[in-house]
Amino acid sequence: MVIDVPIRILGLGLAVVGTAFFIVALPFALSSGSTGDAWDALVAEPFQFTFTRPLGKFDEWKSSSMESDSSELITSE
């Protein structure tokens, strides 16, 4: 768990850098119609990794959150 603090700080820094890259790439993303993909890759995923990932979970953090989201969708129908 001790290693998680520097990883969260690094993740926050990378999320800020990703946001800056998104702002630079925004005109190109708008012209190609891929604004949503650019937002997800450069802004949303780094912030999710930093703030919503469980403590100490580094492997397959994304797939487990997708599985729980899809199971919630199936049960809500």
N, C-alpha and C. Protein backbone atom coordinates (compact mmCIF):
# COMPACT_ATOMS: atom_id res chain seq x y z
N MET A 1 0.81 -1.20 0.00
CA MET A 1 0.00 0.00 0.00
C MET A 1 0.85 1.26 0.00
N VAL A 2 2.08 1.16 0.51
CA VAL A 2 2.95 2.33 0.56
C VAL A 2 3.31 2.79 -0.85
N ILE A 3 3.47 1.84 -1.76
CA ILE A 3 3.85 2.18 -3.13
C ILE A 3 2.69 2.89 -3.85
N ASP A 4 1.49 2.76 -3.33
CA ASP A 4 0.34 3.34 -4.00
C ASP A 4 0.33 4.86 -3.96
N VAL A 5 0.88 5.46 -2.92
CA VAL A 5 0.89 6.93 -2.80
C VAL A 5 1.70 7.57 -3.93
N PRO A 6 2.95 7.14 -4.18
CA PRO A 6 3.67 7.76 -5.31
C PRO A 6 3.03 7.46 -6.66
N ILE A 7 2.41 6.29 -6.78
CA ILE A 7 1.74 5.96 -8.05
C ILE A 7 0.54 6.88 -8.26
N ARG A 8 -0.19 7.18 -7.20
CA ARG A 8 -1.33 8.11 -7.33
C ARG A 8 -0.85 9.51 -7.69
N ILE A 9 0.25 9.95 -7.09
CA ILE A 9 0.80 11.27 -7.41
C ILE A 9 1.26 11.31 -8.87
N LEU A 10 1.95 10.26 -9.30
CA LEU A 10 2.37 10.16 -10.70
C LEU A 10 1.16 10.12 -11.62
N GLY A 11 0.12 9.38 -11.23
CA GLY A 11 -1.09 9.32 -12.03
C GLY A 11 -1.77 10.67 -12.17
N LEU A 12 -1.76 11.45 -11.09
CA LEU A 12 -2.34 12.79 -11.15
C LEU A 12 -1.55 13.68 -12.11
N GLY A 13 -0.23 13.59 -12.03
CA GLY A 13 0.61 14.37 -12.96
C GLY A 13 0.37 13.98 -14.40
N LEU A 14 0.27 12.67 -14.64
CA LEU A 14 0.01 12.21 -16.01
C LEU A 14 -1.38 12.58 -16.48
N ALA A 15 -2.35 12.64 -15.57
CA ALA A 15 -3.69 13.08 -15.94
C ALA A 15 -3.68 14.55 -16.36
N VAL A 16 -2.90 15.36 -15.66
CA VAL A 16 -2.80 16.78 -16.02
C VAL A 16 -2.10 16.93 -17.38
N VAL A 17 -1.05 16.16 -17.60
CA VAL A 17 -0.34 16.19 -18.89
C VAL A 17 -1.27 15.71 -20.01
N GLY A 18 -2.04 14.66 -19.74
CA GLY A 18 -3.00 14.16 -20.73
C GLY A 18 -4.05 15.20 -21.08
N THR A 19 -4.49 15.96 -20.07
CA THR A 19 -5.46 17.02 -20.33
C THR A 19 -4.85 18.10 -21.22
N ALA A 20 -3.60 18.43 -20.98
CA ALA A 20 -2.92 19.43 -21.83
C ALA A 20 -2.80 18.91 -23.26
N PHE A 21 -2.44 17.63 -23.42
CA PHE A 21 -2.36 17.05 -24.76
C PHE A 21 -3.73 17.05 -25.44
N PHE A 22 -4.79 16.80 -24.66
CA PHE A 22 -6.13 16.82 -25.23
C PHE A 22 -6.48 18.20 -25.75
N ILE A 23 -6.12 19.23 -25.01
CA ILE A 23 -6.40 20.60 -25.45
C ILE A 23 -5.65 20.91 -26.75
N VAL A 24 -4.41 20.45 -26.83
CA VAL A 24 -3.63 20.67 -28.06
C VAL A 24 -4.22 19.88 -29.22
N ALA A 25 -4.67 18.65 -28.96
CA ALA A 25 -5.17 17.79 -30.03
C ALA A 25 -6.64 18.05 -30.37
N LEU A 26 -7.32 18.87 -29.59
CA LEU A 26 -8.75 19.09 -29.78
C LEU A 26 -9.13 19.56 -31.20
N PRO A 27 -8.44 20.51 -31.80
CA PRO A 27 -8.83 20.90 -33.17
C PRO A 27 -8.75 19.73 -34.16
N PHE A 28 -7.74 18.88 -34.01
CA PHE A 28 -7.60 17.74 -34.91
C PHE A 28 -8.66 16.69 -34.62
N ALA A 29 -8.98 16.50 -33.34
CA ALA A 29 -10.01 15.53 -32.97
C ALA A 29 -11.38 16.00 -33.45
N LEU A 30 -11.64 17.29 -33.37
CA LEU A 30 -12.92 17.82 -33.86
C LEU A 30 -13.05 17.62 -35.37
N SER A 31 -11.97 17.85 -36.09
CA SER A 31 -12.04 17.71 -37.54
C SER A 31 -12.19 16.26 -37.98
N SER A 32 -11.68 15.32 -37.18
CA SER A 32 -11.78 13.92 -37.55
C SER A 32 -12.97 13.23 -36.91
N GLY A 33 -13.65 13.91 -35.99
CA GLY A 33 -14.81 13.33 -35.34
C GLY A 33 -14.48 12.33 -34.25
N SER A 34 -13.27 12.39 -33.71
CA SER A 34 -12.86 11.44 -32.68
C SER A 34 -12.66 12.12 -31.32
N THR A 35 -13.46 13.12 -31.04
CA THR A 35 -13.31 13.85 -29.79
C THR A 35 -13.57 12.95 -28.59
N GLY A 36 -14.57 12.11 -28.67
CA GLY A 36 -14.89 11.21 -27.56
C GLY A 36 -13.77 10.22 -27.28
N ASP A 37 -13.17 9.67 -28.33
CA ASP A 37 -12.06 8.73 -28.15
C ASP A 37 -10.85 9.43 -27.54
N ALA A 38 -10.57 10.64 -28.02
CA ALA A 38 -9.44 11.39 -27.47
C ALA A 38 -9.68 11.75 -26.01
N TRP A 39 -10.90 12.12 -25.67
CA TRP A 39 -11.24 12.46 -24.28
C TRP A 39 -11.04 11.24 -23.38
N ASP A 40 -11.54 10.09 -23.84
CA ASP A 40 -11.42 8.88 -23.03
C ASP A 40 -9.97 8.49 -22.81
N ALA A 41 -9.17 8.53 -23.87
CA ALA A 41 -7.78 8.07 -23.78
C ALA A 41 -6.88 9.05 -23.03
N LEU A 42 -7.09 10.35 -23.22
CA LEU A 42 -6.17 11.33 -22.67
C LEU A 42 -6.62 11.94 -21.34
N VAL A 43 -7.91 11.92 -21.05
CA VAL A 43 -8.40 12.58 -19.84
C VAL A 43 -9.10 11.59 -18.91
N ALA A 44 -10.11 10.90 -19.39
CA ALA A 44 -10.94 10.08 -18.52
C ALA A 44 -10.18 8.90 -17.92
N GLU A 45 -9.47 8.15 -18.75
CA GLU A 45 -8.76 6.97 -18.23
C GLU A 45 -7.68 7.31 -17.22
N PRO A 46 -6.84 8.34 -17.43
CA PRO A 46 -5.87 8.67 -16.38
C PRO A 46 -6.52 9.11 -15.07
N PHE A 47 -7.61 9.87 -15.15
CA PHE A 47 -8.28 10.28 -13.92
C PHE A 47 -8.95 9.09 -13.23
N GLN A 48 -9.50 8.17 -14.00
CA GLN A 48 -10.07 6.96 -13.40
C GLN A 48 -8.98 6.12 -12.74
N PHE A 49 -7.83 6.00 -13.39
CA PHE A 49 -6.73 5.24 -12.80
C PHE A 49 -6.28 5.88 -11.49
N THR A 50 -6.27 7.20 -11.44
CA THR A 50 -5.79 7.90 -10.26
C THR A 50 -6.81 7.90 -9.12
N PHE A 51 -8.08 8.12 -9.43
CA PHE A 51 -9.04 8.36 -8.36
C PHE A 51 -10.03 7.23 -8.09
N THR A 52 -10.30 6.35 -9.03
CA THR A 52 -11.31 5.32 -8.78
C THR A 52 -10.74 3.92 -8.68
N ARG A 53 -9.47 3.74 -8.95
CA ARG A 53 -8.84 2.42 -8.85
C ARG A 53 -8.69 2.05 -7.38
N PRO A 54 -9.03 0.80 -7.00
CA PRO A 54 -8.87 0.40 -5.60
C PRO A 54 -7.40 0.43 -5.18
N LEU A 55 -7.15 0.69 -3.92
CA LEU A 55 -5.79 0.76 -3.41
C LEU A 55 -5.06 -0.56 -3.63
N GLY A 56 -3.86 -0.47 -4.13
CA GLY A 56 -3.02 -1.65 -4.32
C GLY A 56 -3.36 -2.49 -5.53
N LYS A 57 -4.34 -2.10 -6.32
CA LYS A 57 -4.74 -2.89 -7.48
C LYS A 57 -4.16 -2.25 -8.74
N PHE A 58 -3.13 -2.89 -9.28
CA PHE A 58 -2.46 -2.36 -10.46
C PHE A 58 -2.74 -3.20 -11.69
N ASP A 59 -2.91 -4.50 -11.54
CA ASP A 59 -3.13 -5.39 -12.66
C ASP A 59 -4.62 -5.49 -12.96
N GLU A 60 -4.93 -5.31 -14.20
CA GLU A 60 -6.30 -5.48 -14.69
C GLU A 60 -7.32 -4.62 -13.94
N TRP A 61 -6.94 -3.41 -13.53
CA TRP A 61 -7.87 -2.51 -12.84
C TRP A 61 -8.99 -2.09 -13.77
N LYS A 62 -8.67 -1.96 -15.05
CA LYS A 62 -9.67 -1.49 -16.00
C LYS A 62 -10.68 -2.59 -16.34
N SER A 63 -10.21 -3.81 -16.52
CA SER A 63 -11.13 -4.88 -16.90
C SER A 63 -12.09 -5.22 -15.76
N SER A 64 -11.64 -5.16 -14.51
CA SER A 64 -12.53 -5.47 -13.40
C SER A 64 -13.60 -4.40 -13.24
N SER A 65 -13.27 -3.14 -13.50
CA SER A 65 -14.29 -2.10 -13.40
C SER A 65 -15.28 -2.20 -14.55
N MET A 66 -14.81 -2.63 -15.72
CA MET A 66 -15.73 -2.81 -16.84
C MET A 66 -16.66 -3.98 -16.59
N GLU A 67 -16.16 -5.05 -15.98
CA GLU A 67 -16.99 -6.21 -15.68
C GLU A 67 -18.07 -5.84 -14.68
N SER A 68 -17.73 -5.06 -13.67
CA SER A 68 -18.74 -4.67 -12.68
C SER A 68 -19.76 -3.73 -13.30
N ASP A 69 -19.33 -2.85 -14.20
CA ASP A 69 -20.27 -1.95 -14.87
C ASP A 69 -21.23 -2.74 -15.75
N SER A 70 -20.72 -3.71 -16.50
CA SER A 70 -21.58 -4.47 -17.39
C SER A 70 -22.54 -5.36 -16.61
N SER A 71 -22.11 -5.88 -15.47
CA SER A 71 -23.01 -6.70 -14.67
C SER A 71 -24.13 -5.86 -14.08
N GLU A 72 -23.83 -4.60 -13.73
CA GLU A 72 -24.86 -3.73 -13.22
C GLU A 72 -25.88 -3.42 -14.31
N LEU A 73 -25.41 -3.27 -15.55
CA LEU A 73 -26.33 -3.00 -16.65
C LEU A 73 -27.23 -4.20 -16.91
N ILE A 74 -26.69 -5.38 -16.82
CA ILE A 74 -27.49 -6.58 -17.08
C ILE A 74 -28.54 -6.76 -16.00
N THR A 75 -28.18 -6.55 -14.74
CA THR A 75 -29.13 -6.77 -13.66
C THR A 75 -30.18 -5.67 -13.58
N SER A 76 -29.89 -4.49 -14.11
CA SER A 76 -30.85 -3.40 -14.02
C SER A 76 -31.96 -3.53 -15.07
N GLU A 77 -31.75 -4.35 -16.08
CA GLU A 77 -32.76 -4.48 -17.14
C GLU A 77 -33.81 -5.39 -16.72
